[in-house]
C-alpha atoms as a PDB file:
ATOM      1  CA  UNK A   1      16.823  -7.665 -10.333  1.00  0.00           C
ATOM      2  CA  UNK A   2      15.566  -5.182 -12.137  1.00  0.00           C
ATOM      3  CA  UNK A   3      12.489  -2.597 -11.190  1.00  0.00           C
ATOM      4  CA  UNK A   4      10.405  -4.536 -13.560  1.00  0.00           C
ATOM      5  CA  UNK A   5      11.265  -7.531 -12.469  1.00  0.00           C
ATOM      6  CA  UNK A   6      10.531  -6.778  -8.878  1.00  0.00           C
ATOM      7  CA  UNK A   7       6.790  -5.052 -10.390  1.00  0.00           C
ATOM      8  CA  UNK A   8       6.663  -8.565 -12.141  1.00  0.00           C
ATOM      9  CA  UNK A   9       7.314 -10.508  -8.973  1.00  0.00           C
ATOM     10  CA  UNK A  10       4.891  -8.169  -6.902  1.00  0.00           C
ATOM     11  CA  UNK A  11       1.806  -9.326  -9.557  1.00  0.00           C
ATOM     12  CA  UNK A  12       2.496 -12.605  -9.553  1.00  0.00           C
ATOM     13  CA  UNK A  13       2.339 -13.377  -5.647  1.00  0.00           C
ATOM     14  CA  UNK A  14      -0.517 -11.306  -4.855  1.00  0.00           C
ATOM     15  CA  UNK A  15      -2.230 -12.395  -1.559  1.00  0.00           C
ATOM     16  CA  UNK A  16      -5.947 -12.694  -1.214  1.00  0.00           C
ATOM     17  CA  UNK A  17      -6.325  -9.549   0.659  1.00  0.00           C
ATOM     18  CA  UNK A  18      -4.804  -7.321  -2.254  1.00  0.00           C
ATOM     19  CA  UNK A  19      -7.125  -9.113  -4.517  1.00  0.00           C
ATOM     20  CA  UNK A  20     -10.674  -8.492  -2.188  1.00  0.00           C
ATOM     21  CA  UNK A  21      -9.381  -4.800  -2.266  1.00  0.00           C
ATOM     22  CA  UNK A  22      -9.304  -5.037  -6.200  1.00  0.00           C
ATOM     23  CA  UNK A  23      -5.754  -4.000  -5.770  1.00  0.00           C
ATOM     24  CA  UNK A  24      -3.041  -4.036  -8.369  1.00  0.00           C
ATOM     25  CA  UNK A  25       0.964  -2.732  -7.903  1.00  0.00           C
ATOM     26  CA  UNK A  26       1.256  -0.605 -11.222  1.00  0.00           C
ATOM     27  CA  UNK A  27       4.721   1.428 -10.845  1.00  0.00           C
ATOM     28  CA  UNK A  28       7.944   0.275  -8.814  1.00  0.00           C
ATOM     29  CA  UNK A  29      10.879   2.124  -8.827  1.00  0.00           C
ATOM     30  CA  UNK A  30      13.931   1.102  -6.266  1.00  0.00           C
ATOM     31  CA  UNK A  31      15.840   5.041  -6.558  1.00  0.00           C
ATOM     32  CA  UNK A  32      14.344   6.685  -5.102  1.00  0.00           C
ATOM     33  CA  UNK A  33      12.021   3.992  -3.558  1.00  0.00           C
ATOM     34  CA  UNK A  34       8.245   4.464  -4.479  1.00  0.00           C
ATOM     35  CA  UNK A  35       5.403   2.254  -5.082  1.00  0.00           C
ATOM     36  CA  UNK A  36       1.931   2.559  -6.347  1.00  0.00           C
ATOM     37  CA  UNK A  37      -0.994   0.703  -6.364  1.00  0.00           C
ATOM     38  CA  UNK A  38      -4.240   1.201  -7.961  1.00  0.00           C
ATOM     39  CA  UNK A  39      -7.316  -0.426  -5.720  1.00  0.00           C
ATOM     40  CA  UNK A  40     -11.260  -0.890  -6.857  1.00  0.00           C
ATOM     41  CA  UNK A  41     -13.686  -0.125  -4.207  1.00  0.00           C
ATOM     42  CA  UNK A  42     -16.550  -1.704  -4.332  1.00  0.00           C
ATOM     43  CA  UNK A  43     -20.179  -0.948  -2.831  1.00  0.00           C
ATOM     44  CA  UNK A  44     -20.094  -3.728  -0.370  1.00  0.00           C
ATOM     45  CA  UNK A  45     -16.744  -1.885   1.047  1.00  0.00           C
ATOM     46  CA  UNK A  46     -18.857   1.372   1.815  1.00  0.00           C
ATOM     47  CA  UNK A  47     -21.581   2.661   4.486  1.00  0.00           C
ATOM     48  CA  UNK A  48     -23.914   5.845   4.098  1.00  0.00           C
ATOM     49  CA  UNK A  49     -25.966   4.127   1.485  1.00  0.00           C
ATOM     50  CA  UNK A  50     -23.302   2.138  -0.105  1.00  0.00           C
ATOM     51  CA  UNK A  51     -21.547   5.718  -0.942  1.00  0.00           C
ATOM     52  CA  UNK A  52     -18.789   6.277   1.310  1.00  0.00           C
ATOM     53  CA  UNK A  53     -15.680   3.413   1.721  1.00  0.00           C
ATOM     54  CA  UNK A  54     -15.496   2.311   5.168  1.00  0.00           C
ATOM     55  CA  UNK A  55     -12.061   3.720   7.046  1.00  0.00           C
ATOM     56  CA  UNK A  56     -10.460  -0.082   7.537  1.00  0.00           C
ATOM     57  CA  UNK A  57     -10.624  -0.410   4.056  1.00  0.00           C
ATOM     58  CA  UNK A  58      -8.976   3.057   3.540  1.00  0.00           C
ATOM     59  CA  UNK A  59      -6.507   1.968   5.997  1.00  0.00           C
ATOM     60  CA  UNK A  60      -5.751  -1.502   4.023  1.00  0.00           C
ATOM     61  CA  UNK A  61      -5.188   0.297   0.755  1.00  0.00           C
ATOM     62  CA  UNK A  62      -2.674   2.740   2.495  1.00  0.00           C
ATOM     63  CA  UNK A  63      -1.428   0.293   4.549  1.00  0.00           C
ATOM     64  CA  UNK A  64      -0.648  -2.274   1.597  1.00  0.00           C
ATOM     65  CA  UNK A  65       1.788  -0.166  -0.733  1.00  0.00           C
ATOM     66  CA  UNK A  66       3.933   0.751   1.956  1.00  0.00           C
ATOM     67  CA  UNK A  67       4.333  -3.305   2.536  1.00  0.00           C
ATOM     68  CA  UNK A  68       4.607  -4.217  -1.272  1.00  0.00           C
ATOM     69  CA  UNK A  69       7.373  -1.445  -1.635  1.00  0.00           C
ATOM     70  CA  UNK A  70       9.647  -2.761   1.014  1.00  0.00           C
ATOM     71  CA  UNK A  71       8.893  -6.378  -0.174  1.00  0.00           C
ATOM     72  CA  UNK A  72      10.094  -5.463  -3.600  1.00  0.00           C
ATOM     73  CA  UNK A  73      13.099  -3.127  -2.222  1.00  0.00           C
ATOM     74  CA  UNK A  74      14.350  -6.027  -0.487  1.00  0.00           C
ATOM     75  CA  UNK A  75      13.697  -8.788  -2.956  1.00  0.00           C
ATOM     76  CA  UNK A  76      11.336 -10.862  -0.904  1.00  0.00           C
ATOM     77  CA  UNK A  77      14.332 -10.998   1.941  1.00  0.00           C
ATOM     78  CA  UNK A  78      12.170  -9.692   4.858  1.00  0.00           C
ATOM     79  CA  UNK A  79       8.409  -9.450   6.165  1.00  0.00           C
ATOM     80  CA  UNK A  80       7.559  -6.313   6.703  1.00  0.00           C
ATOM     81  CA  UNK A  81       5.823  -6.427  10.300  1.00  0.00           C
ATOM     82  CA  UNK A  82       3.334  -3.101  10.861  1.00  0.00           C
ATOM     83  CA  UNK A  83       4.306  -1.975  13.859  1.00  0.00           C
ATOM     84  CA  UNK A  84       2.088   1.126  13.678  1.00  0.00           C
ATOM     85  CA  UNK A  85       0.121   2.904  11.387  1.00  0.00           C
ATOM     86  CA  UNK A  86      -1.474   6.543  11.830  1.00  0.00           C
ATOM     87  CA  UNK A  87      -3.842   7.603   9.344  1.00  0.00           C
ATOM     88  CA  UNK A  88      -5.432  10.589   8.205  1.00  0.00           C
ATOM     89  CA  UNK A  89      -8.696  11.026   6.621  1.00  0.00           C
ATOM     90  CA  UNK A  90      -9.214  14.296   4.742  1.00  0.00           C
ATOM     91  CA  UNK A  91     -12.101  13.161   2.699  1.00  0.00           C
ATOM     92  CA  UNK A  92     -14.371  10.722   1.542  1.00  0.00           C
ATOM     93  CA  UNK A  93     -13.667   7.950  -0.732  1.00  0.00           C
ATOM     94  CA  UNK A  94     -16.240   6.507  -3.025  1.00  0.00           C
ATOM     95  CA  UNK A  95     -16.813   2.961  -4.808  1.00  0.00           C
ATOM     96  CA  UNK A  96     -14.475   3.478  -8.229  1.00  0.00           C
ATOM     97  CA  UNK A  97     -11.002   3.397  -8.582  1.00  0.00           C
ATOM     98  CA  UNK A  98      -8.219   4.729  -5.925  1.00  0.00           C
ATOM     99  CA  UNK A  99      -4.576   5.421  -6.349  1.00  0.00           C
ATOM    100  CA  UNK A 100      -1.776   5.186  -3.656  1.00  0.00           C
ATOM    101  CA  UNK A 101       1.600   6.102  -4.089  1.00  0.00           C
ATOM    102  CA  UNK A 102       3.855   4.899  -0.555  1.00  0.00           C
ATOM    103  CA  UNK A 103       7.519   5.814   0.071  1.00  0.00           C
ATOM    104  CA  UNK A 104       9.691   5.376   2.373  1.00  0.00           C
ATOM    105  CA  UNK A 105      10.791   8.237   4.531  1.00  0.00           C
ATOM    106  CA  UNK A 106      13.848   6.218   6.525  1.00  0.00           C
ATOM    107  CA  UNK A 107      15.337   2.712   5.824  1.00  0.00           C
ATOM    108  CA  UNK A 108      17.217   1.404   8.959  1.00  0.00           C
ATOM    109  CA  UNK A 109      18.742  -2.057   9.324  1.00  0.00           C
ATOM    110  CA  UNK A 110      15.723  -3.633  11.151  1.00  0.00           C
ATOM    111  CA  UNK A 111      13.088  -0.420  11.087  1.00  0.00           C
ATOM    112  CA  UNK A 112      11.468   1.477   8.518  1.00  0.00           C
ATOM    113  CA  UNK A 113       9.419   4.745   8.674  1.00  0.00           C
ATOM    114  CA  UNK A 114       7.131   4.718   5.411  1.00  0.00           C
ATOM    115  CA  UNK A 115       4.261   7.539   4.287  1.00  0.00           C
ATOM    116  CA  UNK A 116       1.681   6.946   1.640  1.00  0.00           C
ATOM    117  CA  UNK A 117      -0.974   9.195  -0.230  1.00  0.00           C
ATOM    118  CA  UNK A 118      -4.161   7.541  -1.361  1.00  0.00           C
ATOM    119  CA  UNK A 119      -5.987   9.619  -4.289  1.00  0.00           C
ATOM    120  CA  UNK A 120      -9.383   9.332  -5.859  1.00  0.00           C
ATOM    121  CA  UNK A 121     -10.002  11.228  -9.202  1.00  0.00           C
ATOM    122  CA  UNK A 122      -6.841  13.180  -8.327  1.00  0.00           C
ATOM    123  CA  UNK A 123      -8.139  14.194  -5.154  1.00  0.00           C
ATOM    124  CA  UNK A 124      -6.277  13.242  -2.109  1.00  0.00           C
ATOM    125  CA  UNK A 125      -8.529  11.643   0.912  1.00  0.00           C
ATOM    126  CA  UNK A 126      -6.042   9.770   3.031  1.00  0.00           C
ATOM    127  CA  UNK A 127      -2.529   9.889   3.996  1.00  0.00           C
ATOM    128  CA  UNK A 128      -0.727   7.547   6.714  1.00  0.00           C
ATOM    129  CA  UNK A 129       2.772   7.129   7.994  1.00  0.00           C
ATOM    130  CA  UNK A 130       4.004   3.802   9.606  1.00  0.00           C
ATOM    131  CA  UNK A 131       6.498   1.785  11.166  1.00  0.00           C
ATOM    132  CA  UNK A 132       7.570  -1.250   9.745  1.00  0.00           C
ATOM    133  CA  UNK A 133       9.865  -3.936  11.773  1.00  0.00           C
ATOM    134  CA  UNK A 134      11.857  -6.156   9.175  1.00  0.00           C
ATOM    135  CA  UNK A 135      11.812  -9.627   9.921  1.00  0.00           C
ATOM    136  CA  UNK A 136      14.262 -12.071   8.071  1.00  0.00           C
ATOM    137  CA  UNK A 137      12.305 -14.671   6.319  1.00  0.00           C
ATOM    138  CA  UNK A 138      13.579 -18.121   7.185  1.00  0.00           C
ATOM    139  CA  UNK A 139      13.060 -21.016   4.474  1.00  0.00           C
END
């Protein structure tokens, strides 16, 4: 399966939570493994007079690209189960478009270490690292 086919697969099988976040995969490459997603933060995600995106939504925007990177890279043969996620909030996110880049730090047989960075208007607003267990998909 080509990288383009894998990106199309992600776009055609979006989970409701990704739609809620206004998420969409926009780039995938398998070597080195990288995935980029964009999100649309709406005022309903915000506090402080609907101006600052709540941290849980930011965390979701960091976590989803890491999972999608593994889904595409491993051709949907495994469910990525997050064992931990460590988030650093570097600045406020506001309603509007956000862009996230995810990458593999280390790919083992059943455990994967990942990282992601979230940007708004080319400004880094949050980062995350995650440990993921690969659970084989059973038919």
